[in-house]
N, C-alpha and C. Protein backbone atom coordinates (compact mmCIF):
# COMPACT_ATOMS: atom_id res chain seq x y z
N UNK A 1 1.21 -1.73 -0.38
CA UNK A 1 -0.20 -0.11 0.04
C UNK A 1 0.61 0.99 -0.27
N UNK A 2 0.58 1.85 -0.37
CA UNK A 2 1.42 3.42 -0.99
C UNK A 2 0.94 4.53 -0.14
N UNK A 3 1.98 4.98 0.89
CA UNK A 3 1.25 6.08 2.16
C UNK A 3 2.16 7.35 1.73
N UNK A 4 1.88 8.08 0.54
CA UNK A 4 2.53 8.79 0.09
C UNK A 4 1.65 10.35 0.62
N UNK A 5 2.26 11.17 1.23
CA UNK A 5 1.45 12.77 1.42
C UNK A 5 1.30 13.20 0.23
N UNK A 6 0.27 13.59 0.05
CA UNK A 6 -0.16 14.46 -1.46
C UNK A 6 -0.34 15.92 -0.93
N UNK A 7 0.58 16.61 -1.33
CA UNK A 7 0.33 18.45 -0.94
C UNK A 7 -0.08 18.98 -2.45
N UNK A 8 -1.51 19.68 -1.92
CA UNK A 8 -1.79 20.03 -3.56
C UNK A 8 -1.05 21.06 -3.71
N UNK A 9 -0.99 21.61 -4.98
CA UNK A 9 -0.15 22.92 -5.86
C UNK A 9 -0.75 23.59 -5.06
N UNK A 10 0.24 24.38 -4.44
CA UNK A 10 -0.10 25.81 -3.64
C UNK A 10 -0.52 27.26 -4.48
N UNK A 11 0.00 27.39 -5.63
CA UNK A 11 -0.37 27.91 -6.57
C UNK A 11 -2.20 28.24 -7.09
N UNK A 12 -2.23 26.94 -7.21
CA UNK A 12 -3.14 26.56 -7.71
C UNK A 12 -4.44 26.66 -6.96
N UNK A 13 -4.09 26.23 -5.53
CA UNK A 13 -5.33 26.12 -4.26
C UNK A 13 -5.24 28.16 -4.04
N UNK A 14 -4.22 28.77 -4.25
CA UNK A 14 -4.43 30.05 -3.20
C UNK A 14 -5.02 30.48 -4.97
N UNK A 15 -5.01 30.86 -6.10
CA UNK A 15 -6.17 31.30 -6.91
C UNK A 15 -7.16 30.35 -7.04
N UNK A 16 -7.78 29.23 -6.31
CA UNK A 16 -9.21 28.94 -5.89
C UNK A 16 -9.23 30.11 -5.20
N UNK A 17 -8.65 29.68 -4.21
CA UNK A 17 -9.10 30.92 -2.75
C UNK A 17 -9.57 32.53 -3.84
N UNK A 18 -8.88 32.53 -4.27
CA UNK A 18 -9.01 34.39 -4.60
C UNK A 18 -10.11 34.09 -5.29
N UNK A 19 -10.12 33.10 -6.07
CA UNK A 19 -11.10 33.49 -6.93
C UNK A 19 -12.51 33.53 -5.97
N UNK A 20 -12.75 32.21 -4.72
CA UNK A 20 -13.86 32.17 -4.29
C UNK A 20 -14.07 33.43 -3.48
N UNK A 21 -13.02 34.12 -2.98
CA UNK A 21 -13.55 35.06 -2.64
C UNK A 21 -14.29 36.92 -3.37
N UNK A 22 -13.49 36.53 -4.45
CA UNK A 22 -14.35 37.16 -5.44
C UNK A 22 -15.76 36.77 -6.18
N UNK A 23 -16.47 35.60 -6.37
CA UNK A 23 -17.05 35.31 -6.07
C UNK A 23 -18.37 35.64 -4.81
N UNK A 24 -17.98 35.58 -3.91
CA UNK A 24 -18.42 35.37 -2.42
C UNK A 24 -18.86 37.59 -2.51
N UNK A 25 -17.68 38.42 -2.99
CA UNK A 25 -17.91 39.45 -3.02
C UNK A 25 -18.83 39.89 -3.97
N UNK A 26 -18.63 39.40 -4.85
CA UNK A 26 -19.97 39.61 -6.19
C UNK A 26 -21.84 39.37 -5.20
N UNK A 27 -21.15 38.18 -4.88
CA UNK A 27 -23.02 37.51 -5.06
C UNK A 27 -23.58 38.41 -3.74
N UNK A 28 -22.48 39.13 -2.47
CA UNK A 28 -23.02 39.32 -1.15
C UNK A 28 -22.27 40.82 -0.76
N UNK A 29 -22.06 41.77 -2.03
CA UNK A 29 -22.04 43.18 -2.37
C UNK A 29 -20.51 43.24 -1.20
N UNK A 30 -21.24 44.57 0.26
CA UNK A 30 -20.01 45.30 0.76
C UNK A 30 -20.55 44.18 2.18
N UNK A 31 -21.28 42.38 2.01
CA UNK A 31 -22.12 42.33 3.37
C UNK A 31 -22.19 43.11 4.43
N UNK A 32 -23.06 43.86 4.05
CA UNK A 32 -23.85 44.43 5.28
C UNK A 32 -25.18 44.03 5.85
N UNK A 33 -25.33 43.07 5.26
CA UNK A 33 -26.38 42.89 5.66
C UNK A 33 -25.73 40.97 6.45
N UNK A 34 -27.14 39.82 7.41
CA UNK A 34 -26.01 39.23 8.08
C UNK A 34 -26.66 37.96 7.48
N UNK A 35 -27.76 37.99 6.86
CA UNK A 35 -28.76 36.93 6.29
C UNK A 35 -28.94 36.92 4.85
N UNK A 36 -28.30 35.95 3.25
CA UNK A 36 -29.03 36.61 1.74
C UNK A 36 -29.23 35.60 1.67
N UNK A 37 -30.27 35.89 1.02
CA UNK A 37 -30.84 34.66 0.47
C UNK A 37 -31.20 34.55 -1.20
N UNK A 38 -30.87 32.77 -1.81
CA UNK A 38 -30.59 33.09 -3.22
C UNK A 38 -31.87 31.37 -3.46
N UNK A 39 -32.30 31.18 -5.11
CA UNK A 39 -32.70 30.05 -5.32
C UNK A 39 -32.10 29.95 -6.23
N UNK A 40 -32.72 29.00 -7.64
CA UNK A 40 -32.34 28.64 -8.69
C UNK A 40 -33.41 27.55 -8.97
N UNK A 41 -33.70 27.54 -9.80
CA UNK A 41 -34.52 26.46 -11.18
C UNK A 41 -36.01 26.67 -9.89
N UNK A 42 -36.58 25.83 -10.07
CA UNK A 42 -38.42 25.60 -9.66
C UNK A 42 -38.98 26.28 -10.80
N UNK A 43 -38.83 25.53 -11.79
CA UNK A 43 -39.85 25.76 -12.49
C UNK A 43 -40.89 24.96 -12.68
N UNK A 44 -42.31 24.91 -13.58
CA UNK A 44 -42.76 24.49 -13.82
C UNK A 44 -42.96 22.92 -13.38
N UNK A 45 -43.28 23.34 -11.82
CA UNK A 45 -43.77 21.59 -11.68
C UNK A 45 -42.53 20.81 -10.24
N UNK A 46 -41.43 22.32 -10.68
CA UNK A 46 -40.13 21.94 -9.72
C UNK A 46 -39.94 22.49 -8.54
N UNK A 47 -39.26 22.55 -7.51
CA UNK A 47 -38.69 23.04 -6.40
C UNK A 47 -37.90 23.15 -6.61
N UNK A 48 -37.73 24.57 -6.34
CA UNK A 48 -36.62 25.53 -6.89
C UNK A 48 -35.49 24.45 -5.33
N UNK A 49 -34.14 24.98 -6.05
CA UNK A 49 -33.08 24.84 -4.51
C UNK A 49 -32.58 26.07 -4.21
N UNK A 50 -32.66 26.26 -2.59
CA UNK A 50 -32.82 27.20 -2.09
C UNK A 50 -30.85 27.29 -1.28
N UNK A 51 -30.91 28.43 -1.44
CA UNK A 51 -29.17 28.69 -1.06
C UNK A 51 -28.79 29.84 0.33
N UNK A 52 -28.72 29.52 1.45
CA UNK A 52 -28.61 31.04 2.25
C UNK A 52 -27.43 30.95 2.45
N UNK A 53 -26.80 32.35 3.32
CA UNK A 53 -25.66 32.24 3.39
C UNK A 53 -25.44 33.16 4.57
N UNK A 54 -25.68 32.56 5.66
CA UNK A 54 -25.39 33.78 7.21
C UNK A 54 -24.09 34.10 7.49
N UNK A 55 -23.75 35.64 7.77
CA UNK A 55 -23.06 35.99 8.75
C UNK A 55 -22.44 35.39 10.17
N UNK A 56 -21.70 34.76 10.45
CA UNK A 56 -21.47 34.09 12.09
C UNK A 56 -20.57 35.06 12.77
N UNK A 57 -19.66 35.47 11.93
CA UNK A 57 -18.71 36.74 12.91
C UNK A 57 -18.27 37.54 11.88
N UNK A 58 -17.96 38.80 12.31
CA UNK A 58 -17.63 40.00 11.65
C UNK A 58 -16.08 40.29 12.15
N UNK A 59 -15.00 40.35 11.54
CA UNK A 59 -13.90 40.66 12.50
C UNK A 59 -12.88 41.67 11.19
N UNK A 60 -11.92 42.48 12.09
CA UNK A 60 -11.20 44.07 10.56
C UNK A 60 -10.44 42.54 9.48
N UNK A 61 -10.00 41.91 9.78
CA UNK A 61 -9.82 41.14 8.57
C UNK A 61 -10.20 40.15 8.14
N UNK A 62 -10.87 38.54 8.84
CA UNK A 62 -11.96 37.77 8.72
C UNK A 62 -13.59 37.85 8.69
N UNK A 63 -14.29 37.65 7.90
CA UNK A 63 -15.73 37.19 7.99
C UNK A 63 -16.13 35.42 8.31
N UNK A 64 -16.47 35.02 8.88
CA UNK A 64 -16.84 33.42 8.81
C UNK A 64 -18.01 33.64 8.59
N UNK A 65 -18.81 32.53 7.42
CA UNK A 65 -20.10 32.56 6.89
C UNK A 65 -20.60 31.01 6.61
N UNK A 66 -21.93 30.90 6.82
CA UNK A 66 -22.35 29.76 6.96
C UNK A 66 -23.41 29.65 5.45
N UNK A 67 -23.11 28.50 4.83
CA UNK A 67 -23.44 28.13 3.32
C UNK A 67 -24.38 26.92 3.48
N UNK A 68 -25.54 27.40 3.07
CA UNK A 68 -26.24 26.01 3.32
C UNK A 68 -27.10 25.84 2.14
N UNK A 69 -26.79 24.75 1.46
CA UNK A 69 -27.93 25.07 0.26
C UNK A 69 -28.70 23.56 0.51
N UNK A 70 -30.67 23.64 0.18
CA UNK A 70 -31.36 22.72 0.14
C UNK A 70 -31.99 22.57 -1.03
N UNK A 71 -31.59 21.01 -1.00
CA UNK A 71 -32.63 20.30 -2.60
C UNK A 71 -33.61 19.12 -2.67
N UNK A 72 -34.71 20.04 -2.84
CA UNK A 72 -35.75 18.72 -1.67
C UNK A 72 -35.69 17.27 -3.06
N UNK A 73 -35.10 17.68 -3.93
CA UNK A 73 -35.68 16.76 -5.57
C UNK A 73 -34.43 15.89 -5.27
N UNK A 74 -33.50 15.49 -4.73
CA UNK A 74 -32.36 14.98 -4.37
C UNK A 74 -32.61 14.02 -2.64
N UNK A 75 -32.76 12.67 -2.36
CA UNK A 75 -32.86 11.82 -1.09
C UNK A 75 -32.16 12.84 -0.17
N UNK A 76 -32.06 12.61 1.13
CA UNK A 76 -31.85 12.31 2.54
C UNK A 76 -31.04 11.51 2.10
N UNK A 77 -29.16 11.70 2.65
CA UNK A 77 -28.80 12.77 3.04
C UNK A 77 -28.19 13.76 2.54
N UNK A 78 -28.68 13.17 1.20
CA UNK A 78 -27.73 14.53 -0.04
C UNK A 78 -28.68 15.80 -0.29
N UNK A 79 -29.75 16.18 0.22
CA UNK A 79 -30.50 17.18 0.18
C UNK A 79 -29.89 18.34 0.81
N UNK A 80 -29.07 17.99 1.60
CA UNK A 80 -29.11 19.13 2.19
C UNK A 80 -27.39 19.13 3.07
N UNK A 81 -26.66 20.61 2.08
CA UNK A 81 -24.95 21.15 2.57
C UNK A 81 -25.07 21.98 3.15
N UNK A 82 -23.89 22.14 4.07
CA UNK A 82 -24.01 22.89 5.03
C UNK A 82 -21.72 23.42 4.95
N UNK A 83 -21.57 23.99 4.73
CA UNK A 83 -19.96 24.21 4.33
C UNK A 83 -20.16 26.11 5.57
N UNK A 84 -19.01 25.65 6.17
CA UNK A 84 -18.71 27.34 6.81
C UNK A 84 -17.43 27.67 6.09
N UNK A 85 -17.37 28.41 6.05
CA UNK A 85 -16.36 29.22 5.43
C UNK A 85 -15.28 30.41 6.07
N UNK A 86 -14.47 30.66 5.64
CA UNK A 86 -13.23 31.52 6.51
C UNK A 86 -13.30 32.52 5.16
N UNK A 87 -13.25 34.15 5.59
CA UNK A 87 -12.95 35.04 4.27
C UNK A 87 -12.25 35.81 4.95
N UNK A 88 -10.90 36.03 3.92
CA UNK A 88 -9.47 36.59 4.90
C UNK A 88 -9.49 38.29 4.34
N UNK A 89 -9.98 38.91 4.61
CA UNK A 89 -10.23 40.24 3.50
C UNK A 89 -8.64 40.51 3.22
N UNK A 90 -7.52 41.28 4.38
CA UNK A 90 -6.15 41.30 3.52
C UNK A 90 -5.58 40.39 2.56
N UNK A 91 -5.61 39.18 2.66
CA UNK A 91 -5.13 38.42 1.55
C UNK A 91 -6.37 38.55 0.15
N UNK A 92 -7.31 38.51 0.34
CA UNK A 92 -8.76 38.36 -0.31
C UNK A 92 -8.66 36.49 -0.68
N UNK A 93 -9.11 36.25 0.14
CA UNK A 93 -9.03 34.88 -0.02
C UNK A 93 -9.66 34.10 0.65
N UNK A 94 -10.76 32.98 0.55
CA UNK A 94 -11.62 32.76 0.91
C UNK A 94 -11.50 31.18 0.89
N UNK A 95 -12.17 30.39 1.98
CA UNK A 95 -11.62 29.04 2.19
C UNK A 95 -12.73 28.47 2.78
N UNK A 96 -12.67 27.25 2.47
CA UNK A 96 -14.38 25.99 3.27
C UNK A 96 -12.85 25.51 4.63
N UNK A 97 -13.48 26.08 5.90
CA UNK A 97 -13.09 25.65 7.49
C UNK A 97 -14.01 24.07 7.75
N UNK A 98 -15.62 23.77 7.37
CA UNK A 98 -15.74 23.30 7.99
C UNK A 98 -16.43 22.30 6.57
N UNK A 99 -16.88 21.39 7.31
CA UNK A 99 -18.14 21.00 6.02
C UNK A 99 -19.48 20.08 6.91
N UNK A 100 -20.33 20.31 6.78
CA UNK A 100 -21.71 19.59 7.60
C UNK A 100 -21.25 19.82 8.96
N UNK A 101 -21.44 20.93 9.88
CA UNK A 101 -20.85 20.93 11.06
C UNK A 101 -19.55 20.06 11.11
N UNK A 102 -18.51 19.86 11.22
CA UNK A 102 -17.98 19.10 11.21
C UNK A 102 -16.80 19.99 12.04
N UNK A 103 -15.68 19.12 12.20
CA UNK A 103 -15.00 19.78 12.81
C UNK A 103 -13.90 20.09 11.94
N UNK A 104 -13.12 21.03 11.91
CA UNK A 104 -11.82 21.97 11.22
C UNK A 104 -11.16 21.19 10.34
N UNK A 105 -11.50 21.29 9.13
CA UNK A 105 -10.55 20.43 7.48
C UNK A 105 -8.89 20.89 8.09
N UNK A 106 -8.19 20.21 7.77
CA UNK A 106 -6.81 20.07 7.53
C UNK A 106 -6.59 19.90 6.55
N UNK A 107 -5.00 20.87 6.30
CA UNK A 107 -5.06 21.15 5.17
C UNK A 107 -5.18 19.18 4.26
N UNK A 108 -4.19 18.40 4.51
CA UNK A 108 -4.00 17.48 4.07
C UNK A 108 -3.56 16.69 5.77
N UNK A 109 -4.46 15.18 4.37
CA UNK A 109 -4.93 14.06 5.86
C UNK A 109 -3.95 12.92 5.13
N UNK A 110 -3.53 12.22 6.35
CA UNK A 110 -1.72 10.98 5.97
C UNK A 110 -2.86 10.05 5.29
N UNK A 111 -3.38 9.10 4.91
CA UNK A 111 -3.79 8.44 4.14
C UNK A 111 -3.34 7.15 4.34
N UNK A 112 -4.07 6.25 4.63
CA UNK A 112 -5.88 5.77 4.78
C UNK A 112 -5.77 6.68 6.48
N UNK A 113 -6.88 6.85 6.41
CA UNK A 113 -7.21 7.32 7.37
C UNK A 113 -8.80 6.72 8.58
N UNK A 114 -8.98 6.68 9.48
CA UNK A 114 -10.27 6.58 9.81
C UNK A 114 -11.57 7.11 9.58
N UNK A 115 -11.46 8.48 9.44
CA UNK A 115 -12.36 8.78 9.38
C UNK A 115 -12.56 8.91 7.47
N UNK A 116 -11.71 8.24 6.72
CA UNK A 116 -12.32 7.81 5.12
C UNK A 116 -11.94 9.41 4.75
N UNK A 117 -11.07 10.27 4.95
CA UNK A 117 -10.95 11.43 4.26
C UNK A 117 -10.24 10.87 3.16
N UNK A 118 -10.19 11.87 2.02
CA UNK A 118 -9.11 11.85 0.96
C UNK A 118 -8.04 12.24 1.10
N UNK A 119 -6.74 12.29 0.73
CA UNK A 119 -5.90 12.71 1.05
C UNK A 119 -5.88 14.87 0.88
N UNK A 120 -6.13 14.39 -0.19
CA UNK A 120 -6.92 16.21 -0.38
C UNK A 120 -8.11 16.37 -0.80
N UNK A 121 -8.72 16.10 0.49
CA UNK A 121 -10.32 16.62 1.34
C UNK A 121 -10.67 18.46 1.60
N UNK A 122 -9.69 19.06 2.25
CA UNK A 122 -9.60 20.50 2.00
C UNK A 122 -9.99 20.86 0.53
N UNK A 123 -8.94 20.85 -0.61
CA UNK A 123 -8.38 21.18 -1.39
C UNK A 123 -9.76 20.19 -2.35
N UNK A 124 -10.30 19.62 -1.91
CA UNK A 124 -11.73 18.87 -2.81
C UNK A 124 -12.95 19.69 -2.33
N UNK A 125 -12.69 20.43 -1.37
CA UNK A 125 -13.87 21.09 -0.78
C UNK A 125 -13.97 22.21 -1.27
N UNK A 126 -12.35 23.14 -1.47
CA UNK A 126 -12.49 24.32 -1.71
C UNK A 126 -13.28 24.42 -3.08
N UNK A 127 -12.62 23.33 -3.88
CA UNK A 127 -13.10 23.37 -5.46
C UNK A 127 -14.38 23.43 -5.54
N UNK A 128 -15.37 23.11 -4.89
CA UNK A 128 -16.52 22.33 -4.39
C UNK A 128 -17.64 23.55 -4.69
N UNK A 129 -16.67 24.54 -3.14
CA UNK A 129 -17.29 25.77 -3.00
C UNK A 129 -17.23 26.51 -4.24
N UNK A 130 -16.27 27.03 -5.08
CA UNK A 130 -15.62 27.34 -6.28
C UNK A 130 -17.45 27.03 -7.35
N UNK A 131 -17.12 25.64 -7.62
CA UNK A 131 -18.26 25.34 -8.25
C UNK A 131 -19.71 26.11 -7.99
N UNK A 132 -20.10 25.73 -6.71
CA UNK A 132 -20.98 26.12 -5.81
C UNK A 132 -21.56 27.65 -6.45
N UNK A 133 -20.02 28.64 -6.15
CA UNK A 133 -20.53 29.54 -6.33
C UNK A 133 -20.88 30.32 -7.36
N UNK A 134 -19.77 29.23 -8.38
CA UNK A 134 -19.76 30.00 -9.96
C UNK A 134 -21.21 29.95 -10.35
N UNK A 135 -22.02 28.44 -10.00
CA UNK A 135 -23.67 27.75 -10.55
C UNK A 135 -24.56 29.54 -9.83
N UNK A 136 -23.84 29.57 -8.59
CA UNK A 136 -25.06 30.44 -7.91
C UNK A 136 -25.09 31.91 -8.79
N UNK A 137 -24.40 32.10 -9.36
CA UNK A 137 -23.96 33.99 -9.92
C UNK A 137 -24.57 33.03 -11.01
N UNK A 138 -24.07 32.57 -11.76
CA UNK A 138 -24.96 32.27 -12.86
C UNK A 138 -26.38 31.62 -13.04
N UNK A 139 -27.11 31.31 -12.48
CA UNK A 139 -28.11 30.68 -12.05
C UNK A 139 -29.29 30.65 -11.33
N UNK A 140 -28.11 32.15 -10.57
CA UNK A 140 -29.20 32.05 -9.23
C UNK A 140 -29.86 33.45 -8.96
N UNK A 141 -31.24 33.34 -8.11
CA UNK A 141 -31.78 34.79 -7.98
C UNK A 141 -31.44 35.17 -6.62
N UNK A 142 -31.92 36.29 -6.11
CA UNK A 142 -31.48 37.01 -5.00
C UNK A 142 -32.65 36.67 -4.06
N UNK A 143 -33.25 36.67 -2.94
CA UNK A 143 -34.58 36.69 -2.13
C UNK A 143 -35.34 37.90 -3.19
N UNK A 144 -35.05 39.41 -2.74
CA UNK A 144 -35.67 40.13 -3.22
C UNK A 144 -36.10 40.29 -4.77
N UNK A 145 -35.36 39.51 -5.25
CA UNK A 145 -35.55 39.89 -6.63
C UNK A 145 -37.48 38.76 -7.02
N UNK A 146 -36.77 37.68 -6.11
CA UNK A 146 -37.94 36.43 -5.96
C UNK A 146 -39.13 37.07 -6.47
N UNK A 147 -40.13 36.07 -7.27
CA UNK A 147 -41.51 36.58 -7.62
C UNK A 147 -42.55 35.27 -7.69
N UNK A 148 -43.36 36.28 -7.33
CA UNK A 148 -44.82 35.16 -6.82
C UNK A 148 -45.37 34.10 -7.66
N UNK A 149 -45.34 33.39 -6.94
CA UNK A 149 -45.77 32.13 -7.59
C UNK A 149 -47.36 32.27 -8.79
N UNK A 150 -46.91 32.21 -10.02
CA UNK A 150 -48.68 32.53 -11.02
C UNK A 150 -49.72 32.17 -10.27
N UNK A 151 -51.08 32.72 -10.05
CA UNK A 151 -51.74 31.06 -9.61
C UNK A 151 -52.72 30.82 -10.96
N UNK A 152 -52.66 29.22 -10.99
CA UNK A 152 -53.38 28.33 -12.11
C UNK A 152 -54.48 28.25 -12.01
């Protein structure tokens, strides 16, 4: 069994963290509110996917957010995802800190491990965050722009 430690490419991880920061900045603006809600989908006969972003902590150089996605079309436990992430304003970077109310993620995990984490679990979580935010930017609608359902 091979037990090599894989360290994700640092410049690539930094670029992803910077892109995630910019995506969050575009979605949340000046982050003056403590709660943001979005949705996408929900066409005729479909239930929309809802995304909520809550500000947990605000400090001079960091902001901690909780992102929750609820997709009623998927079976449990796949229908709900929750991420905690931290935005570093001075470095203009954002990264996933915890996944599904778990303990703080490590940068690299030894393999094999008791939790069955992949060696690059945190890198995968940050990539997932980037894909999620990009999809939300392209297809999402903010709560203040929701239209009431038309009577049928």
